[in-house]
Amino acid sequence: MMKKSAGILLYRFTQSGAEVLLVHPGGPFWQHKDLGVWSIPKGEVEANEDLLAAAKRELEEETGIAAPEKYLALSPVKQKSAKIIYAWAAEKDVDASMIKSNNFEMEWPPKSGVMKSFPEIDKAAWFNEKDALEKIVIGQTPFVLELIRRLRQSS
């Protein structure tokens, strides 16, 4: 069965234009990585779970942000791993410094036999289109491009 992820790309309008909220993965592996590792808040869809319900659940688990009411469906994107990511955009301005992520456990340092807990997401930030396209995982760039294009068409 093909793996599916679902997520929500939050956006807001500022004086300089539209911005999107991206999240940075937590844990020691990602600590010193920046360009090309940020993501939309997303996660795996459980068996028989509604895609939008999964996206809302992941947004809340990874950021502590309550899911908005209105959504704009974005085109699904197939990743190199063959996983398909389903995403929705929603307008909501939040304080990115206030996110609160769930944790995951992993052995750290490797082969130490010591399990440590790390936040799934260690930070979130707002980015304009140019910066977002530099920061986001390359396989998720279509979400930013589609959202910006659609926002321009509707303005």
N, C-alpha and C. Protein backbone atom coordinates (compact mmCIF):
# COMPACT_ATOMS: atom_id res chain seq x y z
N MET A 1 0.84 -1.20 0.00
CA MET A 1 0.00 0.00 0.00
C MET A 1 0.88 1.26 0.00
N MET A 2 0.50 2.23 -0.81
CA MET A 2 1.28 3.46 -0.91
C MET A 2 1.13 4.29 0.37
N LYS A 3 2.26 4.80 0.86
CA LYS A 3 2.23 5.65 2.05
C LYS A 3 1.68 7.03 1.68
N LYS A 4 0.90 7.58 2.61
CA LYS A 4 0.33 8.91 2.41
C LYS A 4 0.64 9.76 3.62
N SER A 5 0.93 11.03 3.36
CA SER A 5 1.08 12.03 4.40
C SER A 5 0.08 13.13 4.11
N ALA A 6 -0.28 13.86 5.15
CA ALA A 6 -1.20 14.98 4.97
C ALA A 6 -0.72 16.13 5.85
N GLY A 7 -0.85 17.34 5.32
CA GLY A 7 -0.38 18.49 6.09
C GLY A 7 -1.08 19.77 5.71
N ILE A 8 -0.78 20.80 6.47
CA ILE A 8 -1.41 22.11 6.26
C ILE A 8 -0.33 23.18 6.13
N LEU A 9 -0.43 23.95 5.06
CA LEU A 9 0.47 25.07 4.82
C LEU A 9 -0.27 26.34 5.25
N LEU A 10 0.11 26.87 6.41
CA LEU A 10 -0.52 28.10 6.88
C LEU A 10 0.10 29.28 6.15
N TYR A 11 -0.72 30.30 5.90
CA TYR A 11 -0.18 31.51 5.28
C TYR A 11 -0.82 32.73 5.94
N ARG A 12 -0.16 33.86 5.78
CA ARG A 12 -0.66 35.13 6.30
C ARG A 12 -0.22 36.23 5.34
N PHE A 13 -0.86 37.37 5.47
CA PHE A 13 -0.48 38.53 4.66
C PHE A 13 0.18 39.57 5.55
N THR A 14 1.31 40.10 5.09
CA THR A 14 2.01 41.16 5.81
C THR A 14 2.11 42.34 4.85
N GLN A 15 2.70 43.42 5.31
CA GLN A 15 2.86 44.59 4.45
C GLN A 15 3.71 44.27 3.22
N SER A 16 4.62 43.30 3.37
CA SER A 16 5.49 42.96 2.24
C SER A 16 4.94 41.82 1.38
N GLY A 17 3.74 41.32 1.71
CA GLY A 17 3.13 40.26 0.90
C GLY A 17 2.85 39.00 1.70
N ALA A 18 2.54 37.94 0.96
CA ALA A 18 2.18 36.67 1.61
C ALA A 18 3.41 35.98 2.20
N GLU A 19 3.19 35.32 3.33
CA GLU A 19 4.22 34.50 3.97
C GLU A 19 3.63 33.15 4.32
N VAL A 20 4.48 32.12 4.34
CA VAL A 20 4.04 30.77 4.71
C VAL A 20 4.78 30.33 5.97
N LEU A 21 4.12 29.49 6.76
CA LEU A 21 4.71 28.96 7.98
C LEU A 21 5.32 27.59 7.68
N LEU A 22 6.62 27.48 7.93
CA LEU A 22 7.31 26.20 7.77
C LEU A 22 7.87 25.77 9.12
N VAL A 23 8.07 24.45 9.27
CA VAL A 23 8.60 23.92 10.52
C VAL A 23 9.93 23.21 10.26
N HIS A 24 10.79 23.24 11.27
CA HIS A 24 12.12 22.63 11.19
C HIS A 24 12.11 21.34 12.01
N PRO A 25 12.59 20.23 11.43
CA PRO A 25 12.56 18.96 12.16
C PRO A 25 13.48 18.99 13.38
N GLY A 26 13.02 18.39 14.47
CA GLY A 26 13.79 18.33 15.70
C GLY A 26 14.72 17.12 15.73
N GLY A 27 15.52 17.06 16.77
CA GLY A 27 16.44 15.94 16.93
C GLY A 27 17.84 16.28 16.48
N PRO A 28 18.80 15.50 16.94
CA PRO A 28 20.21 15.82 16.70
C PRO A 28 20.62 15.79 15.23
N PHE A 29 19.99 14.94 14.43
CA PHE A 29 20.39 14.83 13.02
C PHE A 29 20.17 16.14 12.26
N TRP A 30 19.12 16.87 12.60
CA TRP A 30 18.73 18.08 11.86
C TRP A 30 19.26 19.36 12.49
N GLN A 31 19.90 19.25 13.64
CA GLN A 31 20.28 20.42 14.44
C GLN A 31 21.01 21.51 13.66
N HIS A 32 21.96 21.13 12.83
CA HIS A 32 22.78 22.14 12.13
C HIS A 32 22.44 22.23 10.65
N LYS A 33 21.29 21.69 10.25
CA LYS A 33 20.86 21.75 8.85
C LYS A 33 19.77 22.80 8.72
N ASP A 34 19.78 23.55 7.60
CA ASP A 34 18.81 24.62 7.44
C ASP A 34 18.18 24.61 6.04
N LEU A 35 18.97 24.90 5.03
CA LEU A 35 18.41 24.98 3.68
C LEU A 35 17.95 23.61 3.21
N GLY A 36 16.73 23.57 2.68
CA GLY A 36 16.21 22.34 2.10
C GLY A 36 15.75 21.29 3.10
N VAL A 37 15.56 21.67 4.38
CA VAL A 37 15.09 20.68 5.36
C VAL A 37 13.79 21.08 6.05
N TRP A 38 13.34 22.32 5.88
CA TRP A 38 12.10 22.76 6.49
C TRP A 38 10.92 22.10 5.75
N SER A 39 9.76 22.10 6.37
CA SER A 39 8.63 21.36 5.84
C SER A 39 7.32 22.05 6.22
N ILE A 40 6.26 21.62 5.57
CA ILE A 40 4.94 22.00 6.08
C ILE A 40 4.68 21.04 7.25
N PRO A 41 3.89 21.46 8.25
CA PRO A 41 3.54 20.51 9.32
C PRO A 41 2.70 19.39 8.70
N LYS A 42 3.20 18.18 8.77
CA LYS A 42 2.51 17.05 8.13
C LYS A 42 2.92 15.76 8.80
N GLY A 43 2.19 14.71 8.46
CA GLY A 43 2.54 13.40 8.99
C GLY A 43 1.74 12.32 8.31
N GLU A 44 2.05 11.09 8.71
CA GLU A 44 1.46 9.93 8.07
C GLU A 44 -0.04 9.83 8.35
N VAL A 45 -0.76 9.42 7.30
CA VAL A 45 -2.20 9.20 7.40
C VAL A 45 -2.41 7.77 7.87
N GLU A 46 -3.22 7.61 8.91
CA GLU A 46 -3.50 6.27 9.42
C GLU A 46 -4.53 5.59 8.54
N ALA A 47 -4.58 4.25 8.58
CA ALA A 47 -5.50 3.47 7.76
C ALA A 47 -6.93 3.98 7.95
N ASN A 48 -7.63 4.19 6.85
CA ASN A 48 -9.03 4.64 6.84
C ASN A 48 -9.25 6.02 7.46
N GLU A 49 -8.19 6.79 7.67
CA GLU A 49 -8.33 8.13 8.23
C GLU A 49 -8.63 9.12 7.10
N ASP A 50 -9.54 10.05 7.35
CA ASP A 50 -9.84 11.11 6.39
C ASP A 50 -8.58 11.97 6.23
N LEU A 51 -8.24 12.31 4.98
CA LEU A 51 -7.00 13.04 4.70
C LEU A 51 -6.94 14.40 5.39
N LEU A 52 -8.01 15.18 5.29
CA LEU A 52 -8.02 16.49 5.92
C LEU A 52 -7.98 16.36 7.45
N ALA A 53 -8.68 15.37 7.98
CA ALA A 53 -8.64 15.14 9.44
C ALA A 53 -7.22 14.82 9.88
N ALA A 54 -6.49 14.03 9.08
CA ALA A 54 -5.09 13.70 9.40
C ALA A 54 -4.23 14.97 9.35
N ALA A 55 -4.46 15.81 8.35
CA ALA A 55 -3.68 17.05 8.22
C ALA A 55 -3.91 17.95 9.44
N LYS A 56 -5.16 18.08 9.87
CA LYS A 56 -5.48 18.90 11.04
C LYS A 56 -4.82 18.32 12.30
N ARG A 57 -4.90 16.99 12.45
CA ARG A 57 -4.30 16.32 13.61
C ARG A 57 -2.79 16.58 13.65
N GLU A 58 -2.13 16.43 12.51
CA GLU A 58 -0.69 16.64 12.46
C GLU A 58 -0.31 18.08 12.77
N LEU A 59 -1.08 19.04 12.25
CA LEU A 59 -0.81 20.45 12.55
C LEU A 59 -0.84 20.66 14.06
N GLU A 60 -1.87 20.12 14.72
CA GLU A 60 -2.01 20.32 16.16
C GLU A 60 -0.93 19.58 16.94
N GLU A 61 -0.58 18.33 16.53
CA GLU A 61 0.44 17.55 17.23
C GLU A 61 1.82 18.19 17.10
N GLU A 62 2.15 18.66 15.90
CA GLU A 62 3.50 19.15 15.64
C GLU A 62 3.73 20.60 16.06
N THR A 63 2.66 21.39 16.17
CA THR A 63 2.83 22.82 16.46
C THR A 63 2.02 23.32 17.65
N GLY A 64 0.99 22.58 18.05
CA GLY A 64 0.09 23.07 19.08
C GLY A 64 -0.89 24.11 18.55
N ILE A 65 -0.87 24.36 17.23
CA ILE A 65 -1.76 25.35 16.62
C ILE A 65 -3.11 24.70 16.34
N ALA A 66 -4.18 25.33 16.81
CA ALA A 66 -5.53 24.82 16.53
C ALA A 66 -5.81 24.96 15.03
N ALA A 67 -6.36 23.92 14.45
CA ALA A 67 -6.64 23.91 13.01
C ALA A 67 -7.67 24.98 12.66
N PRO A 68 -7.42 25.74 11.60
CA PRO A 68 -8.39 26.75 11.15
C PRO A 68 -9.67 26.10 10.61
N GLU A 69 -10.63 26.93 10.25
CA GLU A 69 -11.93 26.44 9.76
C GLU A 69 -11.95 26.24 8.24
N LYS A 70 -11.34 27.17 7.51
CA LYS A 70 -11.45 27.16 6.05
C LYS A 70 -10.14 26.72 5.40
N TYR A 71 -10.27 25.90 4.34
CA TYR A 71 -9.08 25.34 3.68
C TYR A 71 -9.18 25.47 2.17
N LEU A 72 -8.01 25.54 1.57
CA LEU A 72 -7.86 25.54 0.13
C LEU A 72 -7.06 24.28 -0.20
N ALA A 73 -7.68 23.33 -0.90
CA ALA A 73 -6.97 22.08 -1.23
C ALA A 73 -5.89 22.38 -2.27
N LEU A 74 -4.69 21.86 -2.02
CA LEU A 74 -3.58 21.99 -2.95
C LEU A 74 -3.42 20.64 -3.68
N SER A 75 -2.77 20.67 -4.82
CA SER A 75 -2.57 19.43 -5.59
C SER A 75 -1.62 18.50 -4.84
N PRO A 76 -1.99 17.20 -4.73
CA PRO A 76 -1.10 16.23 -4.07
C PRO A 76 0.24 16.15 -4.80
N VAL A 77 1.30 15.86 -4.05
CA VAL A 77 2.64 15.78 -4.62
C VAL A 77 3.23 14.42 -4.29
N LYS A 78 3.70 13.73 -5.34
CA LYS A 78 4.36 12.43 -5.14
C LYS A 78 5.84 12.66 -4.88
N GLN A 79 6.35 12.08 -3.80
CA GLN A 79 7.75 12.22 -3.41
C GLN A 79 8.61 11.16 -4.12
N LYS A 80 9.92 11.36 -4.11
CA LYS A 80 10.84 10.37 -4.70
C LYS A 80 10.65 9.00 -4.06
N SER A 81 10.31 8.99 -2.77
CA SER A 81 10.11 7.74 -2.02
C SER A 81 8.81 7.05 -2.43
N ALA A 82 8.05 7.66 -3.35
CA ALA A 82 6.74 7.18 -3.82
C ALA A 82 5.61 7.52 -2.85
N LYS A 83 5.94 8.15 -1.72
CA LYS A 83 4.90 8.61 -0.79
C LYS A 83 4.17 9.77 -1.46
N ILE A 84 2.87 9.87 -1.20
CA ILE A 84 2.09 11.01 -1.70
C ILE A 84 1.74 11.91 -0.52
N ILE A 85 2.00 13.21 -0.69
CA ILE A 85 1.63 14.18 0.34
C ILE A 85 0.41 14.95 -0.14
N TYR A 86 -0.62 14.96 0.69
CA TYR A 86 -1.83 15.73 0.44
C TYR A 86 -1.74 16.96 1.34
N ALA A 87 -2.01 18.13 0.76
CA ALA A 87 -1.86 19.35 1.56
C ALA A 87 -3.01 20.31 1.31
N TRP A 88 -3.27 21.10 2.33
CA TRP A 88 -4.26 22.17 2.27
C TRP A 88 -3.59 23.44 2.75
N ALA A 89 -4.02 24.55 2.22
CA ALA A 89 -3.54 25.85 2.68
C ALA A 89 -4.65 26.48 3.50
N ALA A 90 -4.27 27.23 4.52
CA ALA A 90 -5.24 27.92 5.36
C ALA A 90 -4.62 29.21 5.86
N GLU A 91 -5.42 30.27 5.85
CA GLU A 91 -4.92 31.56 6.34
C GLU A 91 -5.09 31.62 7.85
N LYS A 92 -3.98 31.80 8.54
CA LYS A 92 -4.02 31.94 10.01
C LYS A 92 -2.70 32.53 10.45
N ASP A 93 -2.75 33.65 11.15
CA ASP A 93 -1.53 34.30 11.64
C ASP A 93 -1.31 33.84 13.08
N VAL A 94 -0.17 33.22 13.32
CA VAL A 94 0.17 32.74 14.67
C VAL A 94 1.59 33.19 15.00
N ASP A 95 1.90 33.17 16.28
CA ASP A 95 3.25 33.49 16.74
C ASP A 95 4.10 32.23 16.60
N ALA A 96 4.98 32.22 15.61
CA ALA A 96 5.78 31.03 15.31
C ALA A 96 6.68 30.62 16.48
N SER A 97 7.03 31.57 17.35
CA SER A 97 7.92 31.24 18.47
C SER A 97 7.18 30.46 19.56
N MET A 98 5.86 30.40 19.48
CA MET A 98 5.06 29.77 20.53
C MET A 98 4.66 28.33 20.20
N ILE A 99 5.22 27.74 19.15
CA ILE A 99 4.80 26.38 18.81
C ILE A 99 5.21 25.40 19.91
N LYS A 100 4.42 24.36 20.04
CA LYS A 100 4.69 23.32 21.03
C LYS A 100 4.49 21.97 20.33
N SER A 101 5.59 21.24 20.17
CA SER A 101 5.57 19.99 19.41
C SER A 101 5.49 18.77 20.33
N ASN A 102 4.93 17.69 19.77
CA ASN A 102 5.02 16.40 20.45
C ASN A 102 6.46 15.90 20.35
N ASN A 103 6.82 14.87 21.11
CA ASN A 103 8.19 14.35 21.12
C ASN A 103 8.26 12.96 20.50
N PHE A 104 9.48 12.58 20.12
CA PHE A 104 9.75 11.21 19.68
C PHE A 104 10.98 10.73 20.43
N GLU A 105 11.14 9.42 20.52
CA GLU A 105 12.30 8.86 21.20
C GLU A 105 13.22 8.20 20.21
N MET A 106 14.52 8.32 20.46
CA MET A 106 15.51 7.62 19.64
C MET A 106 16.75 7.35 20.48
N GLU A 107 17.53 6.38 20.03
CA GLU A 107 18.78 6.08 20.71
C GLU A 107 19.78 7.19 20.37
N TRP A 108 20.31 7.84 21.43
CA TRP A 108 21.26 8.92 21.20
C TRP A 108 22.24 9.00 22.36
N PRO A 109 23.56 9.04 22.10
CA PRO A 109 24.19 8.88 20.79
C PRO A 109 23.95 7.48 20.20
N PRO A 110 24.13 7.34 18.88
CA PRO A 110 23.92 6.04 18.23
C PRO A 110 24.73 4.93 18.91
N LYS A 111 24.13 3.77 18.99
CA LYS A 111 24.75 2.55 19.56
C LYS A 111 25.13 2.71 21.04
N SER A 112 24.55 3.72 21.71
CA SER A 112 24.87 3.95 23.13
C SER A 112 23.94 3.17 24.05
N GLY A 113 22.81 2.72 23.49
CA GLY A 113 21.82 2.05 24.31
C GLY A 113 21.00 3.03 25.14
N VAL A 114 21.24 4.33 24.96
CA VAL A 114 20.52 5.36 25.73
C VAL A 114 19.42 5.95 24.85
N MET A 115 18.18 5.87 25.36
CA MET A 115 17.06 6.46 24.64
C MET A 115 16.85 7.89 25.14
N LYS A 116 16.72 8.82 24.20
CA LYS A 116 16.46 10.22 24.55
C LYS A 116 15.23 10.69 23.81
N SER A 117 14.58 11.69 24.38
CA SER A 117 13.36 12.25 23.80
C SER A 117 13.68 13.60 23.15
N PHE A 118 13.16 13.81 21.94
CA PHE A 118 13.38 15.06 21.21
C PHE A 118 12.05 15.56 20.65
N PRO A 119 11.89 16.88 20.51
CA PRO A 119 10.67 17.40 19.87
C PRO A 119 10.68 17.03 18.39
N GLU A 120 9.50 16.65 17.88
CA GLU A 120 9.41 16.32 16.45
C GLU A 120 9.74 17.54 15.60
N ILE A 121 9.33 18.71 16.10
CA ILE A 121 9.59 20.00 15.44
C ILE A 121 10.29 20.88 16.46
N ASP A 122 11.46 21.44 16.10
CA ASP A 122 12.15 22.26 17.10
C ASP A 122 11.90 23.75 16.93
N LYS A 123 11.41 24.17 15.74
CA LYS A 123 11.06 25.59 15.57
C LYS A 123 10.17 25.74 14.34
N ALA A 124 9.51 26.87 14.30
CA ALA A 124 8.69 27.24 13.14
C ALA A 124 9.01 28.69 12.82
N ALA A 125 8.80 29.06 11.55
CA ALA A 125 9.06 30.45 11.16
C ALA A 125 8.24 30.79 9.93
N TRP A 126 7.99 32.09 9.81
CA TRP A 126 7.30 32.62 8.63
C TRP A 126 8.33 33.00 7.57
N PHE A 127 8.04 32.66 6.31
CA PHE A 127 8.95 32.97 5.21
C PHE A 127 8.19 33.55 4.02
N ASN A 128 8.84 34.51 3.35
CA ASN A 128 8.27 34.98 2.07
C ASN A 128 8.54 33.89 1.02
N GLU A 129 7.98 34.07 -0.17
CA GLU A 129 8.08 33.04 -1.21
C GLU A 129 9.53 32.65 -1.50
N LYS A 130 10.40 33.63 -1.71
CA LYS A 130 11.80 33.35 -2.08
C LYS A 130 12.50 32.54 -0.99
N ASP A 131 12.39 32.99 0.25
CA ASP A 131 13.06 32.29 1.35
C ASP A 131 12.44 30.91 1.59
N ALA A 132 11.11 30.81 1.48
CA ALA A 132 10.45 29.52 1.68
C ALA A 132 10.96 28.49 0.67
N LEU A 133 11.14 28.92 -0.56
CA LEU A 133 11.59 27.99 -1.60
C LEU A 133 13.04 27.53 -1.36
N GLU A 134 13.83 28.32 -0.65
CA GLU A 134 15.20 27.91 -0.30
C GLU A 134 15.20 26.98 0.91
N LYS A 135 14.28 27.22 1.84
CA LYS A 135 14.28 26.47 3.11
C LYS A 135 13.58 25.12 3.00
N ILE A 136 12.51 25.05 2.21
CA ILE A 136 11.65 23.86 2.21
C ILE A 136 12.31 22.67 1.51
N VAL A 137 11.97 21.48 1.98
CA VAL A 137 12.39 20.23 1.32
C VAL A 137 11.96 20.33 -0.14
N ILE A 138 12.87 19.99 -1.06
CA ILE A 138 12.61 20.21 -2.49
C ILE A 138 11.31 19.55 -2.95
N GLY A 139 10.98 18.40 -2.41
CA GLY A 139 9.77 17.70 -2.81
C GLY A 139 8.48 18.39 -2.42
N GLN A 140 8.57 19.41 -1.55
CA GLN A 140 7.37 20.14 -1.13
C GLN A 140 7.27 21.52 -1.76
N THR A 141 8.23 21.90 -2.60
CA THR A 141 8.17 23.23 -3.23
C THR A 141 6.88 23.44 -4.03
N PRO A 142 6.31 22.40 -4.68
CA PRO A 142 5.07 22.64 -5.44
C PRO A 142 3.93 23.22 -4.59
N PHE A 143 3.89 22.90 -3.30
CA PHE A 143 2.83 23.45 -2.44
C PHE A 143 2.97 24.96 -2.31
N VAL A 144 4.18 25.44 -2.08
CA VAL A 144 4.42 26.89 -1.94
C VAL A 144 4.12 27.58 -3.26
N LEU A 145 4.62 27.03 -4.36
CA LEU A 145 4.42 27.64 -5.68
C LEU A 145 2.94 27.72 -6.04
N GLU A 146 2.20 26.63 -5.80
CA GLU A 146 0.76 26.63 -6.12
C GLU A 146 0.01 27.63 -5.26
N LEU A 147 0.30 27.66 -3.96
CA LEU A 147 -0.40 28.60 -3.08
C LEU A 147 -0.14 30.04 -3.52
N ILE A 148 1.12 30.40 -3.75
CA ILE A 148 1.45 31.78 -4.14
C ILE A 148 0.77 32.14 -5.45
N ARG A 149 0.78 31.21 -6.41
CA ARG A 149 0.12 31.45 -7.70
C ARG A 149 -1.38 31.69 -7.49
N ARG A 150 -2.02 30.87 -6.67
CA ARG A 150 -3.46 31.00 -6.46
C ARG A 150 -3.79 32.28 -5.68
N LEU A 151 -2.95 32.67 -4.74
CA LEU A 151 -3.19 33.92 -4.02
C LEU A 151 -3.07 35.12 -4.95
N ARG A 152 -2.11 35.06 -5.87
CA ARG A 152 -1.96 36.16 -6.84
C ARG A 152 -3.17 36.23 -7.77
N GLN A 153 -3.68 35.07 -8.18
CA GLN A 153 -4.83 35.04 -9.10
C GLN A 153 -6.08 35.61 -8.43
N SER A 154 -6.21 35.39 -7.13
CA SER A 154 -7.43 35.84 -6.44
C SER A 154 -7.35 37.29 -5.97
N SER A 155 -6.17 37.91 -6.07
CA SER A 155 -6.08 39.29 -5.56
C SER A 155 -6.34 40.31 -6.66
